[in-house]
Amino acid sequence: MMKFHCHRCEETFRIEFQNLYNKVFIQCPNCALEFPPDAVKALRQFSEAYMDTVDILKKTGSFKECWSISLEGNSTPLPGPINEFEHVSFGYEKEKEQSYWQHRRKPYEAKIQNIDDGEFLL
């Protein structure tokens, strides 16, 4: 079960984890705030990867030579709500571009630009 927290209206709602794989759109049932499309896509991929893993474990296991996995609950919603004045704090833009997770603290991938060889001719 995935619990969603809308910080616009303080509504919470849940979606069964196995039902995330086919979601193309998620919104708050109370105020209709849209969940970011890239986040919906990432949840869909996460759900697919989890279900693929369970299927692989089911197909490859044998008596006493098998694995099981489960999702543990975390009651702390992540990331927390954005402070009203956070956008004016020193380093906000740089911090916003980094991962929430310390072990992944690096800027998100930059978009690669194709540069024509002719552009370097003097």
C-alpha atoms as a PDB file:
ATOM      1  CA  MET A   1       0.000   0.000   0.000  1.00  0.00           C
ATOM      2  CA  MET A   2       1.331   3.421  -0.938  1.00  0.00           C
ATOM      3  CA  LYS A   3       0.117   6.383   1.091  1.00  0.00           C
ATOM      4  CA  PHE A   4      -0.019   9.809  -0.544  1.00  0.00           C
ATOM      5  CA  HIS A   5      -0.043  13.123   1.349  1.00  0.00           C
ATOM      6  CA  CYS A   6      -1.328  16.276  -0.369  1.00  0.00           C
ATOM      7  CA  HIS A   7       0.210  19.296   1.333  1.00  0.00           C
ATOM      8  CA  ARG A   8      -2.159  21.717  -0.374  1.00  0.00           C
ATOM      9  CA  CYS A   9      -5.237  20.477   1.508  1.00  0.00           C
ATOM     10  CA  GLU A  10      -3.663  17.979   3.994  1.00  0.00           C
ATOM     11  CA  GLU A  11      -5.619  15.072   2.475  1.00  0.00           C
ATOM     12  CA  THR A  12      -4.133  11.569   2.606  1.00  0.00           C
ATOM     13  CA  PHE A  13      -5.133   8.653   0.414  1.00  0.00           C
ATOM     14  CA  ARG A  14      -3.799   5.214  -0.452  1.00  0.00           C
ATOM     15  CA  ILE A  15      -3.223   3.187  -3.597  1.00  0.00           C
ATOM     16  CA  GLU A  16      -2.459  -0.530  -3.472  1.00  0.00           C
ATOM     17  CA  PHE A  17       1.137  -1.014  -4.571  1.00  0.00           C
ATOM     18  CA  GLN A  18       0.226  -3.611  -7.189  1.00  0.00           C
ATOM     19  CA  ASN A  19      -2.252  -1.135  -8.723  1.00  0.00           C
ATOM     20  CA  LEU A  20       0.405   1.501  -9.403  1.00  0.00           C
ATOM     21  CA  TYR A  21       1.688  -0.276 -12.515  1.00  0.00           C
ATOM     22  CA  ASN A  22      -1.185   0.955 -14.686  1.00  0.00           C
ATOM     23  CA  LYS A  23      -1.579   4.481 -13.330  1.00  0.00           C
ATOM     24  CA  VAL A  24      -1.013   7.259 -15.845  1.00  0.00           C
ATOM     25  CA  PHE A  25      -2.479   9.993 -13.671  1.00  0.00           C
ATOM     26  CA  ILE A  26      -2.785  10.511  -9.919  1.00  0.00           C
ATOM     27  CA  GLN A  27      -4.484  13.442  -8.246  1.00  0.00           C
ATOM     28  CA  CYS A  28      -5.682  14.382  -4.792  1.00  0.00           C
ATOM     29  CA  PRO A  29      -9.281  13.202  -4.388  1.00  0.00           C
ATOM     30  CA  ASN A  30     -10.050  16.274  -2.270  1.00  0.00           C
ATOM     31  CA  CYS A  31      -8.500  19.263  -4.100  1.00  0.00           C
ATOM     32  CA  ALA A  32      -7.461  17.697  -7.454  1.00  0.00           C
ATOM     33  CA  LEU A  33      -3.777  18.684  -7.117  1.00  0.00           C
ATOM     34  CA  GLU A  34      -1.940  16.616  -9.730  1.00  0.00           C
ATOM     35  CA  PHE A  35       0.888  14.300  -8.729  1.00  0.00           C
ATOM     36  CA  PRO A  36       3.889  15.140 -10.977  1.00  0.00           C
ATOM     37  CA  PRO A  37       3.751  13.036 -14.189  1.00  0.00           C
ATOM     38  CA  ASP A  38       7.440  12.042 -13.897  1.00  0.00           C
ATOM     39  CA  ALA A  39       6.768  10.798 -10.355  1.00  0.00           C
ATOM     40  CA  VAL A  40       3.784   8.748 -11.588  1.00  0.00           C
ATOM     41  CA  LYS A  41       6.025   7.219 -14.259  1.00  0.00           C
ATOM     42  CA  ALA A  42       8.728   6.400 -11.674  1.00  0.00           C
ATOM     43  CA  LEU A  43       6.154   4.738  -9.383  1.00  0.00           C
ATOM     44  CA  ARG A  44       4.865   2.717 -12.335  1.00  0.00           C
ATOM     45  CA  GLN A  45       8.401   1.527 -13.126  1.00  0.00           C
ATOM     46  CA  PHE A  46       9.024   0.739  -9.446  1.00  0.00           C
ATOM     47  CA  SER A  47       5.821  -1.285  -9.264  1.00  0.00           C
ATOM     48  CA  GLU A  48       6.707  -3.160 -12.468  1.00  0.00           C
ATOM     49  CA  ALA A  49      10.217  -3.923 -11.167  1.00  0.00           C
ATOM     50  CA  TYR A  50       8.805  -5.234  -7.880  1.00  0.00           C
ATOM     51  CA  MET A  51       6.260  -7.455  -9.643  1.00  0.00           C
ATOM     52  CA  ASP A  52       8.945  -8.695 -12.081  1.00  0.00           C
ATOM     53  CA  THR A  53      11.180  -9.583  -9.127  1.00  0.00           C
ATOM     54  CA  VAL A  54       8.393 -11.561  -7.430  1.00  0.00           C
ATOM     55  CA  ASP A  55       7.687 -13.412 -10.697  1.00  0.00           C
ATOM     56  CA  ILE A  56      11.382 -14.270 -11.128  1.00  0.00           C
ATOM     57  CA  LEU A  57      11.586 -15.562  -7.545  1.00  0.00           C
ATOM     58  CA  LYS A  58       8.463 -17.657  -8.125  1.00  0.00           C
ATOM     59  CA  LYS A  59       9.857 -19.187 -11.334  1.00  0.00           C
ATOM     60  CA  THR A  60      13.385 -19.876 -10.095  1.00  0.00           C
ATOM     61  CA  GLY A  61      12.749 -21.119  -6.565  1.00  0.00           C
ATOM     62  CA  SER A  62      12.696 -24.713  -5.385  1.00  0.00           C
ATOM     63  CA  PHE A  63      12.165 -26.431  -2.021  1.00  0.00           C
ATOM     64  CA  LYS A  64      14.377 -24.712   0.603  1.00  0.00           C
ATOM     65  CA  GLU A  65      16.242 -22.934  -2.216  1.00  0.00           C
ATOM     66  CA  CYS A  66      14.034 -19.900  -2.615  1.00  0.00           C
ATOM     67  CA  TRP A  67      13.502 -16.313  -1.585  1.00  0.00           C
ATOM     68  CA  SER A  68      10.587 -14.116  -0.564  1.00  0.00           C
ATOM     69  CA  ILE A  69      10.458 -10.349  -0.323  1.00  0.00           C
ATOM     70  CA  SER A  70       7.997  -7.892   1.176  1.00  0.00           C
ATOM     71  CA  LEU A  71       7.620  -4.148   1.382  1.00  0.00           C
ATOM     72  CA  GLU A  72       8.041  -2.682   4.853  1.00  0.00           C
ATOM     73  CA  GLY A  73       5.917   0.259   5.848  1.00  0.00           C
ATOM     74  CA  ASN A  74       7.346   3.656   6.621  1.00  0.00           C
ATOM     75  CA  SER A  75       4.915   6.029   8.276  1.00  0.00           C
ATOM     76  CA  THR A  76       7.057   9.096   7.605  1.00  0.00           C
ATOM     77  CA  PRO A  77       5.965  10.813   4.380  1.00  0.00           C
ATOM     78  CA  LEU A  78       8.934  11.732   2.190  1.00  0.00           C
ATOM     79  CA  PRO A  79       9.934  14.290   1.248  1.00  0.00           C
ATOM     80  CA  GLY A  80       8.394  16.544   3.854  1.00  0.00           C
ATOM     81  CA  PRO A  81       6.347  19.587   2.913  1.00  0.00           C
ATOM     82  CA  ILE A  82       8.147  22.593   1.462  1.00  0.00           C
ATOM     83  CA  ASN A  83       8.491  25.483   3.875  1.00  0.00           C
ATOM     84  CA  GLU A  84       6.723  28.682   2.806  1.00  0.00           C
ATOM     85  CA  PHE A  85       9.998  30.639   2.733  1.00  0.00           C
ATOM     86  CA  GLU A  86      12.316  27.815   1.676  1.00  0.00           C
ATOM     87  CA  HIS A  87      12.638  29.211  -1.853  1.00  0.00           C
ATOM     88  CA  VAL A  88      14.426  32.319  -0.525  1.00  0.00           C
ATOM     89  CA  SER A  89      16.989  30.425   1.572  1.00  0.00           C
ATOM     90  CA  PHE A  90      20.670  30.443   0.589  1.00  0.00           C
ATOM     91  CA  GLY A  91      21.507  27.530  -1.708  1.00  0.00           C
ATOM     92  CA  TYR A  92      17.865  26.547  -2.323  1.00  0.00           C
ATOM     93  CA  GLU A  93      18.235  26.079  -6.089  1.00  0.00           C
ATOM     94  CA  LYS A  94      21.352  23.920  -5.686  1.00  0.00           C
ATOM     95  CA  GLU A  95      19.745  21.855  -2.912  1.00  0.00           C
ATOM     96  CA  LYS A  96      16.578  21.392  -4.958  1.00  0.00           C
ATOM     97  CA  GLU A  97      18.596  19.765  -7.769  1.00  0.00           C
ATOM     98  CA  GLN A  98      20.116  17.141  -5.477  1.00  0.00           C
ATOM     99  CA  SER A  99      18.632  13.842  -4.406  1.00  0.00           C
ATOM    100  CA  TYR A 100      16.741  13.673  -1.125  1.00  0.00           C
ATOM    101  CA  TRP A 101      18.809  10.579  -0.252  1.00  0.00           C
ATOM    102  CA  GLN A 102      22.325  11.299   1.067  1.00  0.00           C
ATOM    103  CA  HIS A 103      23.856   8.259  -0.633  1.00  0.00           C
ATOM    104  CA  ARG A 104      22.580   9.612  -3.973  1.00  0.00           C
ATOM    105  CA  ARG A 105      23.639  13.231  -3.421  1.00  0.00           C
ATOM    106  CA  LYS A 106      24.620  14.243  -6.892  1.00  0.00           C
ATOM    107  CA  PRO A 107      22.964  16.522  -9.407  1.00  0.00           C
ATOM    108  CA  TYR A 108      20.390  14.922 -11.646  1.00  0.00           C
ATOM    109  CA  GLU A 109      21.601  13.973 -15.114  1.00  0.00           C
ATOM    110  CA  ALA A 110      22.133  16.933 -17.367  1.00  0.00           C
ATOM    111  CA  LYS A 111      20.463  16.852 -20.722  1.00  0.00           C
ATOM    112  CA  ILE A 112      22.990  16.029 -23.429  1.00  0.00           C
ATOM    113  CA  GLN A 113      23.181  18.440 -26.311  1.00  0.00           C
ATOM    114  CA  ASN A 114      24.318  17.329 -29.738  1.00  0.00           C
ATOM    115  CA  ILE A 115      26.914  19.759 -31.003  1.00  0.00           C
ATOM    116  CA  ASP A 116      27.645  19.803 -34.684  1.00  0.00           C
ATOM    117  CA  ASP A 117      31.367  19.540 -35.542  1.00  0.00           C
ATOM    118  CA  GLY A 118      30.953  22.626 -37.719  1.00  0.00           C
ATOM    119  CA  GLU A 119      30.285  24.734 -34.638  1.00  0.00           C
ATOM    120  CA  PHE A 120      33.914  24.348 -33.511  1.00  0.00           C
ATOM    121  CA  LEU A 121      35.433  25.610 -36.741  1.00  0.00           C
ATOM    122  CA  LEU A 122      37.076  29.007 -36.427  1.00  0.00           C
END
